[in-house]
Amino acid sequence: MADAAERINPYNGDNRDKTSQVEAMFDSIAPAYDFMNSAMSFGLHRRWLRKALKGVGEAAPATVLDVATGTADVAIAIARKLPEASVTGIDLSEGMLEVGRRKVAKAGLESRITLQQADCLHLPFADESFDCITVAYGVRNFEHLLEGYKEMQRVLRKGGKLTVIELSTPRSAFVRPFYKFYTRCIIPVAGRLVSKDVRAYSYLPESIAAVAQGEAMTALMEQAGLRDTTFNPLTFGVCTIYTGVK
């Protein structure tokens, strides 16, 4: 089952595959990413992360993989919450990872967090390598979402948990018009001004609207071999936390 988001690319008319375009886009916006993340969500992304990591912490995993780690916010938060855990973060974008490495060093967590460039569709790890896997705001950028879930299921240990944080479209008829105006009009303009990338913050609402949501997302997770899947919409449904167990 293909996901509609797979057909949404960062750069229209670009002949490169989606993976290559996503890598180039995040290299381009890396210097502005953290600022835009906070500004776009009005700081709510921190609350969403705390909510997601509460479930991660309950399992007390010793090894954690953070897929699409970006500038390492999630990896750092996990390392602080779980002082005995080792955390590996992977991302397509070396530009994002460079920012992340500086943040990890500043936090004094270099001995516990490893960041490396890798493709989520071809994870460079053996089967059942991690107790827990997290992905924040990354799955809608996968070139093949189901294949990405299968790869994460492969490297997750039996009984291990996958936690996904992803932006989503509110279902409320009252909230949806305001959300659409904000994501389709305000964010693209602000993104162009701050990041200088003309398309990146127009791609954002397009990919959110297209990606599988709710039961459709958990169905993909189950198709990949995960069980006990759940989804929990937050803040009027603008963000959703998905979980599954191997």
C-alpha atoms as a PDB file:
ATOM      1  CA  MET A   1       0.000   0.000   0.000  1.00  0.00           C
ATOM      2  CA  ALA A   2       1.659   3.203  -1.180  1.00  0.00           C
ATOM      3  CA  ASP A   3       1.193   6.452   0.688  1.00  0.00           C
ATOM      4  CA  ALA A   4       0.122   9.638  -1.140  1.00  0.00           C
ATOM      5  CA  ALA A   5       2.977  11.580   0.487  1.00  0.00           C
ATOM      6  CA  GLU A   6       5.439   9.529  -1.553  1.00  0.00           C
ATOM      7  CA  ARG A   7       4.308  11.479  -4.619  1.00  0.00           C
ATOM      8  CA  ILE A   8       4.897  14.872  -2.982  1.00  0.00           C
ATOM      9  CA  ASN A   9       8.440  16.114  -3.634  1.00  0.00           C
ATOM     10  CA  PRO A  10      10.231  19.166  -2.224  1.00  0.00           C
ATOM     11  CA  TYR A  11      11.189  20.564  -5.632  1.00  0.00           C
ATOM     12  CA  ASN A  12       8.660  20.433  -8.461  1.00  0.00           C
ATOM     13  CA  GLY A  13      10.176  19.643 -11.834  1.00  0.00           C
ATOM     14  CA  ASP A  14      13.334  18.231 -10.278  1.00  0.00           C
ATOM     15  CA  ASN A  15      14.301  14.877 -11.808  1.00  0.00           C
ATOM     16  CA  ARG A  16      16.063  13.587  -8.705  1.00  0.00           C
ATOM     17  CA  ASP A  17      14.328  10.937  -6.600  1.00  0.00           C
ATOM     18  CA  LYS A  18      12.516  12.056  -3.453  1.00  0.00           C
ATOM     19  CA  THR A  19      15.291  10.857  -1.147  1.00  0.00           C
ATOM     20  CA  SER A  20      17.856  13.052  -2.926  1.00  0.00           C
ATOM     21  CA  GLN A  21      15.506  16.041  -2.932  1.00  0.00           C
ATOM     22  CA  VAL A  22      14.755  15.683   0.781  1.00  0.00           C
ATOM     23  CA  GLU A  23      18.473  15.495   1.552  1.00  0.00           C
ATOM     24  CA  ALA A  24      19.145  18.661  -0.476  1.00  0.00           C
ATOM     25  CA  MET A  25      16.208  20.493   1.107  1.00  0.00           C
ATOM     26  CA  PHE A  26      17.323  19.805   4.672  1.00  0.00           C
ATOM     27  CA  ASP A  27      20.929  20.704   3.820  1.00  0.00           C
ATOM     28  CA  SER A  28      19.535  24.023   2.576  1.00  0.00           C
ATOM     29  CA  ILE A  29      17.381  24.845   5.609  1.00  0.00           C
ATOM     30  CA  ALA A  30      19.642  23.368   8.322  1.00  0.00           C
ATOM     31  CA  PRO A  31      20.836  26.770   9.689  1.00  0.00           C
ATOM     32  CA  ALA A  32      17.237  27.984  10.129  1.00  0.00           C
ATOM     33  CA  TYR A  33      15.606  24.683  11.076  1.00  0.00           C
ATOM     34  CA  ASP A  34      15.554  24.979  14.864  1.00  0.00           C
ATOM     35  CA  PHE A  35      14.266  28.553  14.789  1.00  0.00           C
ATOM     36  CA  MET A  36      11.519  27.702  12.302  1.00  0.00           C
ATOM     37  CA  ASN A  37      10.536  24.586  14.247  1.00  0.00           C
ATOM     38  CA  SER A  38       9.935  26.645  17.389  1.00  0.00           C
ATOM     39  CA  ALA A  39       8.258  29.507  15.558  1.00  0.00           C
ATOM     40  CA  MET A  40       5.912  27.339  13.472  1.00  0.00           C
ATOM     41  CA  SER A  41       4.654  25.330  16.431  1.00  0.00           C
ATOM     42  CA  PHE A  42       4.683  28.240  18.926  1.00  0.00           C
ATOM     43  CA  GLY A  43       6.945  26.042  21.034  1.00  0.00           C
ATOM     44  CA  LEU A  44       4.360  23.256  21.254  1.00  0.00           C
ATOM     45  CA  HIS A  45       6.796  20.779  19.682  1.00  0.00           C
ATOM     46  CA  ARG A  46       8.542  20.582  23.061  1.00  0.00           C
ATOM     47  CA  ARG A  47       5.302  19.559  24.783  1.00  0.00           C
ATOM     48  CA  TRP A  48       4.595  16.985  22.075  1.00  0.00           C
ATOM     49  CA  LEU A  49       8.089  15.547  22.518  1.00  0.00           C
ATOM     50  CA  ARG A  50       7.696  15.274  26.295  1.00  0.00           C
ATOM     51  CA  LYS A  51       4.413  13.438  25.775  1.00  0.00           C
ATOM     52  CA  ALA A  52       5.992  10.997  23.320  1.00  0.00           C
ATOM     53  CA  LEU A  53       9.063  10.376  25.444  1.00  0.00           C
ATOM     54  CA  LYS A  54       6.984   9.567  28.513  1.00  0.00           C
ATOM     55  CA  GLY A  55       6.063   6.299  26.829  1.00  0.00           C
ATOM     56  CA  VAL A  56       9.644   5.724  25.701  1.00  0.00           C
ATOM     57  CA  GLY A  57      10.974   6.198  29.213  1.00  0.00           C
ATOM     58  CA  GLU A  58       8.538   3.719  30.745  1.00  0.00           C
ATOM     59  CA  ALA A  59      10.239   0.876  28.850  1.00  0.00           C
ATOM     60  CA  ALA A  60      13.714   1.945  30.055  1.00  0.00           C
ATOM     61  CA  PRO A  61      15.472   0.959  26.793  1.00  0.00           C
ATOM     62  CA  ALA A  62      19.256   0.525  26.829  1.00  0.00           C
ATOM     63  CA  THR A  63      19.709   1.235  23.110  1.00  0.00           C
ATOM     64  CA  VAL A  64      17.662   3.771  21.140  1.00  0.00           C
ATOM     65  CA  LEU A  65      17.672   4.641  17.433  1.00  0.00           C
ATOM     66  CA  ASP A  66      16.352   8.064  16.449  1.00  0.00           C
ATOM     67  CA  VAL A  67      15.518   8.017  12.730  1.00  0.00           C
ATOM     68  CA  ALA A  68      15.491  11.345  10.841  1.00  0.00           C
ATOM     69  CA  THR A  69      17.259  12.825  13.864  1.00  0.00           C
ATOM     70  CA  GLY A  70      17.872  16.159  12.139  1.00  0.00           C
ATOM     71  CA  THR A  71      19.584  18.577  14.523  1.00  0.00           C
ATOM     72  CA  ALA A  72      19.449  15.966  17.315  1.00  0.00           C
ATOM     73  CA  ASP A  73      16.784  17.550  19.538  1.00  0.00           C
ATOM     74  CA  VAL A  74      15.076  14.206  20.103  1.00  0.00           C
ATOM     75  CA  ALA A  75      18.347  12.306  20.591  1.00  0.00           C
ATOM     76  CA  ILE A  76      19.471  14.823  23.223  1.00  0.00           C
ATOM     77  CA  ALA A  77      16.096  14.714  24.994  1.00  0.00           C
ATOM     78  CA  ILE A  78      16.217  10.901  25.104  1.00  0.00           C
ATOM     79  CA  ALA A  79      19.790  10.870  26.456  1.00  0.00           C
ATOM     80  CA  ARG A  80      18.810  13.307  29.209  1.00  0.00           C
ATOM     81  CA  LYS A  81      15.679  11.365  30.124  1.00  0.00           C
ATOM     82  CA  LEU A  82      17.432   7.983  30.067  1.00  0.00           C
ATOM     83  CA  PRO A  83      20.917   8.496  31.548  1.00  0.00           C
ATOM     84  CA  GLU A  84      21.845   4.813  31.135  1.00  0.00           C
ATOM     85  CA  ALA A  85      20.844   4.574  27.457  1.00  0.00           C
ATOM     86  CA  SER A  86      23.024   4.893  24.379  1.00  0.00           C
ATOM     87  CA  VAL A  87      21.400   6.796  21.508  1.00  0.00           C
ATOM     88  CA  THR A  88      22.127   6.558  17.781  1.00  0.00           C
ATOM     89  CA  GLY A  89      20.728   9.227  15.472  1.00  0.00           C
ATOM     90  CA  ILE A  90      20.612   8.868  11.692  1.00  0.00           C
ATOM     91  CA  ASP A  91      19.653  11.382   9.041  1.00  0.00           C
ATOM     92  CA  LEU A  92      19.983  11.886   5.292  1.00  0.00           C
ATOM     93  CA  SER A  93      21.239  15.451   5.671  1.00  0.00           C
ATOM     94  CA  GLU A  94      24.840  16.033   6.626  1.00  0.00           C
ATOM     95  CA  GLY A  95      23.993  19.718   7.035  1.00  0.00           C
ATOM     96  CA  MET A  96      21.446  18.909   9.741  1.00  0.00           C
ATOM     97  CA  LEU A  97      23.847  16.472  11.397  1.00  0.00           C
ATOM     98  CA  GLU A  98      26.575  19.131  11.567  1.00  0.00           C
ATOM     99  CA  VAL A  99      24.218  21.338  13.582  1.00  0.00           C
ATOM    100  CA  GLY A 100      23.263  18.329  15.700  1.00  0.00           C
ATOM    101  CA  ARG A 101      26.867  17.416  16.492  1.00  0.00           C
ATOM    102  CA  ARG A 102      27.522  20.920  17.793  1.00  0.00           C
ATOM    103  CA  LYS A 103      24.454  20.691  20.026  1.00  0.00           C
ATOM    104  CA  VAL A 104      25.453  17.245  21.321  1.00  0.00           C
ATOM    105  CA  ALA A 105      28.946  18.524  22.141  1.00  0.00           C
ATOM    106  CA  LYS A 106      27.520  21.586  23.891  1.00  0.00           C
ATOM    107  CA  ALA A 107      25.283  19.296  25.955  1.00  0.00           C
ATOM    108  CA  GLY A 108      28.284  17.154  26.936  1.00  0.00           C
ATOM    109  CA  LEU A 109      26.659  14.015  25.524  1.00  0.00           C
ATOM    110  CA  GLU A 110      29.227  12.953  22.925  1.00  0.00           C
ATOM    111  CA  SER A 111      29.998   9.727  24.797  1.00  0.00           C
ATOM    112  CA  ARG A 112      26.347   8.624  24.683  1.00  0.00           C
ATOM    113  CA  ILE A 113      24.983   9.987  21.394  1.00  0.00           C
ATOM    114  CA  THR A 114      26.304   8.901  17.999  1.00  0.00           C
ATOM    115  CA  LEU A 115      25.107  10.736  14.897  1.00  0.00           C
ATOM    116  CA  GLN A 116      25.656   9.352  11.412  1.00  0.00           C
ATOM    117  CA  GLN A 117      24.426   9.896   7.882  1.00  0.00           C
ATOM    118  CA  ALA A 118      22.200   7.059   6.692  1.00  0.00           C
ATOM    119  CA  ASP A 119      19.088   6.331   4.632  1.00  0.00           C
ATOM    120  CA  CYS A 120      16.009   5.186   6.563  1.00  0.00           C
ATOM    121  CA  LEU A 121      15.211   2.754   3.746  1.00  0.00           C
ATOM    122  CA  HIS A 122      18.596   1.047   4.110  1.00  0.00           C
ATOM    123  CA  LEU A 123      19.502   1.181   7.808  1.00  0.00           C
ATOM    124  CA  PRO A 124      23.159   0.150   8.346  1.00  0.00           C
ATOM    125  CA  PHE A 125      22.394  -2.000  11.381  1.00  0.00           C
ATOM    126  CA  ALA A 126      21.945  -5.705  12.051  1.00  0.00           C
ATOM    127  CA  ASP A 127      18.541  -7.211  12.739  1.00  0.00           C
ATOM    128  CA  GLU A 128      17.188  -6.549  16.235  1.00  0.00           C
ATOM    129  CA  SER A 129      19.865  -3.993  17.176  1.00  0.00           C
ATOM    130  CA  PHE A 130      17.719  -1.553  19.209  1.00  0.00           C
ATOM    131  CA  ASP A 131      15.341  -1.708  22.160  1.00  0.00           C
ATOM    132  CA  CYS A 132      13.439   1.364  20.981  1.00  0.00           C
ATOM    133  CA  ILE A 133      13.126   3.508  17.830  1.00  0.00           C
ATOM    134  CA  THR A 134      11.811   7.060  17.547  1.00  0.00           C
ATOM    135  CA  VAL A 135      10.984   9.207  14.509  1.00  0.00           C
ATOM    136  CA  ALA A 136       9.930  12.843  14.869  1.00  0.00           C
ATOM    137  CA  TYR A 137       8.449  14.672  11.869  1.00  0.00           C
ATOM    138  CA  GLY A 138      10.264  12.384   9.458  1.00  0.00           C
ATOM    139  CA  VAL A 139       8.038   9.638   8.103  1.00  0.00           C
ATOM    140  CA  ARG A 140       6.195  11.897   5.658  1.00  0.00           C
ATOM    141  CA  ASN A 141       9.567  12.502   3.982  1.00  0.00           C
ATOM    142  CA  PHE A 142      10.234   8.777   3.379  1.00  0.00           C
ATOM    143  CA  GLU A 143      10.384   7.930  -0.306  1.00  0.00           C
ATOM    144  CA  HIS A 144       8.622   4.632   0.481  1.00  0.00           C
ATOM    145  CA  LEU A 145       6.803   4.767   3.813  1.00  0.00           C
ATOM    146  CA  LEU A 146       5.961   1.082   4.127  1.00  0.00           C
ATOM    147  CA  GLU A 147       9.544   0.088   3.298  1.00  0.00           C
ATOM    148  CA  GLY A 148      10.769   2.530   5.936  1.00  0.00           C
ATOM    149  CA  TYR A 149       8.521   0.924   8.538  1.00  0.00           C
ATOM    150  CA  LYS A 150       9.743  -2.528   7.511  1.00  0.00           C
ATOM    151  CA  GLU A 151      13.358  -1.447   7.967  1.00  0.00           C
ATOM    152  CA  MET A 152      12.661  -0.029  11.409  1.00  0.00           C
ATOM    153  CA  GLN A 153      10.781  -3.198  12.347  1.00  0.00           C
ATOM    154  CA  ARG A 154      13.785  -5.224  11.184  1.00  0.00           C
ATOM    155  CA  VAL A 155      16.318  -3.485  13.443  1.00  0.00           C
ATOM    156  CA  LEU A 156      13.940  -3.330  16.427  1.00  0.00           C
ATOM    157  CA  ARG A 157      14.310  -6.066  19.036  1.00  0.00           C
ATOM    158  CA  LYS A 158      11.361  -8.352  19.753  1.00  0.00           C
ATOM    159  CA  GLY A 159       9.125  -6.579  22.249  1.00  0.00           C
ATOM    160  CA  GLY A 160      10.725  -3.235  21.364  1.00  0.00           C
ATOM    161  CA  LYS A 161       8.646  -0.118  20.743  1.00  0.00           C
ATOM    162  CA  LEU A 162       8.488   2.290  17.810  1.00  0.00           C
ATOM    163  CA  THR A 163       7.275   5.830  18.583  1.00  0.00           C
ATOM    164  CA  VAL A 164       6.455   8.223  15.746  1.00  0.00           C
ATOM    165  CA  ILE A 165       5.634  11.916  16.129  1.00  0.00           C
ATOM    166  CA  GLU A 166       4.132  13.392  12.980  1.00  0.00           C
ATOM    167  CA  LEU A 167       2.260  16.517  11.999  1.00  0.00           C
ATOM    168  CA  SER A 168      -1.314  15.908  10.931  1.00  0.00           C
ATOM    169  CA  THR A 169      -4.438  17.650   9.667  1.00  0.00           C
ATOM    170  CA  PRO A 170      -7.104  18.597  12.250  1.00  0.00           C
ATOM    171  CA  ARG A 171     -10.411  16.836  11.721  1.00  0.00           C
ATOM    172  CA  SER A 172     -12.481  19.578  13.362  1.00  0.00           C
ATOM    173  CA  ALA A 173     -14.472  21.596  10.826  1.00  0.00           C
ATOM    174  CA  PHE A 174     -13.984  24.645  13.065  1.00  0.00           C
ATOM    175  CA  VAL A 175     -10.200  24.358  13.417  1.00  0.00           C
ATOM    176  CA  ARG A 176      -9.373  23.208   9.879  1.00  0.00           C
ATOM    177  CA  PRO A 177      -9.855  26.586   8.046  1.00  0.00           C
ATOM    178  CA  PHE A 178      -7.529  28.418  10.443  1.00  0.00           C
ATOM    179  CA  TYR A 179      -5.004  25.591  10.212  1.00  0.00           C
ATOM    180  CA  LYS A 180      -5.052  25.629   6.408  1.00  0.00           C
ATOM    181  CA  PHE A 181      -4.589  29.398   6.263  1.00  0.00           C
ATOM    182  CA  TYR A 182      -1.669  29.243   8.690  1.00  0.00           C
ATOM    183  CA  THR A 183       0.119  26.304   7.052  1.00  0.00           C
ATOM    184  CA  ARG A 184      -0.514  27.263   3.434  1.00  0.00           C
ATOM    185  CA  CYS A 185      -0.121  31.056   3.650  1.00  0.00           C
ATOM    186  CA  ILE A 186       1.818  32.143   6.739  1.00  0.00           C
ATOM    187  CA  ILE A 187       4.398  29.355   7.064  1.00  0.00           C
ATOM    188  CA  PRO A 188       5.594  29.390   3.407  1.00  0.00           C
ATOM    189  CA  VAL A 189       6.140  33.158   3.491  1.00  0.00           C
ATOM    190  CA  ALA A 190       7.974  33.033   6.826  1.00  0.00           C
ATOM    191  CA  GLY A 191      10.016  30.065   5.640  1.00  0.00           C
ATOM    192  CA  ARG A 192      11.153  31.846   2.485  1.00  0.00           C
ATOM    193  CA  LEU A 193      12.183  34.888   4.491  1.00  0.00           C
ATOM    194  CA  VAL A 194      14.116  32.981   7.151  1.00  0.00           C
ATOM    195  CA  SER A 195      15.534  29.968   5.313  1.00  0.00           C
ATOM    196  CA  LYS A 196      15.833  31.467   1.803  1.00  0.00           C
ATOM    197  CA  ASP A 197      14.555  28.160   0.383  1.00  0.00           C
ATOM    198  CA  VAL A 198      11.609  28.993  -1.874  1.00  0.00           C
ATOM    199  CA  ARG A 199       9.993  25.539  -1.796  1.00  0.00           C
ATOM    200  CA  ALA A 200      10.839  23.924   1.563  1.00  0.00           C
ATOM    201  CA  TYR A 201       8.033  25.466   3.599  1.00  0.00           C
ATOM    202  CA  SER A 202       5.474  25.055   0.830  1.00  0.00           C
ATOM    203  CA  TYR A 203       6.374  21.359   0.652  1.00  0.00           C
ATOM    204  CA  LEU A 204       5.717  21.106   4.392  1.00  0.00           C
ATOM    205  CA  PRO A 205       1.898  21.594   4.345  1.00  0.00           C
ATOM    206  CA  GLU A 206       1.609  19.592   1.127  1.00  0.00           C
ATOM    207  CA  SER A 207       3.371  16.604   2.686  1.00  0.00           C
ATOM    208  CA  ILE A 208       1.338  16.873   5.910  1.00  0.00           C
ATOM    209  CA  ALA A 209      -1.926  16.859   3.951  1.00  0.00           C
ATOM    210  CA  ALA A 210      -0.833  13.850   1.884  1.00  0.00           C
ATOM    211  CA  VAL A 211       0.694  11.536   4.497  1.00  0.00           C
ATOM    212  CA  ALA A 212      -1.339   8.666   5.977  1.00  0.00           C
ATOM    213  CA  GLN A 213      -3.039   9.666   9.218  1.00  0.00           C
ATOM    214  CA  GLY A 214      -4.866   7.951  12.055  1.00  0.00           C
ATOM    215  CA  GLU A 215      -6.015   4.424  11.229  1.00  0.00           C
ATOM    216  CA  ALA A 216      -4.364   4.610   7.787  1.00  0.00           C
ATOM    217  CA  MET A 217      -0.966   5.179   9.415  1.00  0.00           C
ATOM    218  CA  THR A 218      -1.365   2.400  11.972  1.00  0.00           C
ATOM    219  CA  ALA A 219      -2.486   0.075   9.154  1.00  0.00           C
ATOM    220  CA  LEU A 220       0.857   0.690   7.427  1.00  0.00           C
ATOM    221  CA  MET A 221       2.696  -0.013  10.670  1.00  0.00           C
ATOM    222  CA  GLU A 222       0.815  -3.280  11.078  1.00  0.00           C
ATOM    223  CA  GLN A 223       1.516  -4.223   7.467  1.00  0.00           C
ATOM    224  CA  ALA A 224       5.209  -3.786   8.271  1.00  0.00           C
ATOM    225  CA  GLY A 225       4.928  -6.333  11.078  1.00  0.00           C
ATOM    226  CA  LEU A 226       4.247  -4.150  14.121  1.00  0.00           C
ATOM    227  CA  ARG A 227       1.461  -4.930  16.588  1.00  0.00           C
ATOM    228  CA  ASP A 228      -0.504  -3.171  19.337  1.00  0.00           C
ATOM    229  CA  THR A 229      -0.464   0.014  17.273  1.00  0.00           C
ATOM    230  CA  THR A 230      -2.004   3.205  18.649  1.00  0.00           C
ATOM    231  CA  PHE A 231      -2.454   6.820  17.604  1.00  0.00           C
ATOM    232  CA  ASN A 232      -2.993   9.815  19.859  1.00  0.00           C
ATOM    233  CA  PRO A 233      -3.902  13.199  18.286  1.00  0.00           C
ATOM    234  CA  LEU A 234      -2.630  16.267  20.160  1.00  0.00           C
ATOM    235  CA  THR A 235      -3.502  20.011  20.087  1.00  0.00           C
ATOM    236  CA  PHE A 236      -6.710  19.781  18.033  1.00  0.00           C
ATOM    237  CA  GLY A 237      -5.089  17.117  15.839  1.00  0.00           C
ATOM    238  CA  VAL A 238      -2.208  19.178  14.417  1.00  0.00           C
ATOM    239  CA  CYS A 239       0.214  16.534  15.725  1.00  0.00           C
ATOM    240  CA  THR A 240      -0.236  12.806  16.275  1.00  0.00           C
ATOM    241  CA  ILE A 241       1.841  10.290  18.227  1.00  0.00           C
ATOM    242  CA  TYR A 242       1.842   6.765  16.793  1.00  0.00           C
ATOM    243  CA  THR A 243       3.225   3.701  18.565  1.00  0.00           C
ATOM    244  CA  GLY A 244       3.739   0.069  17.661  1.00  0.00           C
ATOM    245  CA  VAL A 245       5.482  -2.963  19.194  1.00  0.00           C
ATOM    246  CA  LYS A 246       7.484  -5.650  17.448  1.00  0.00           C
END
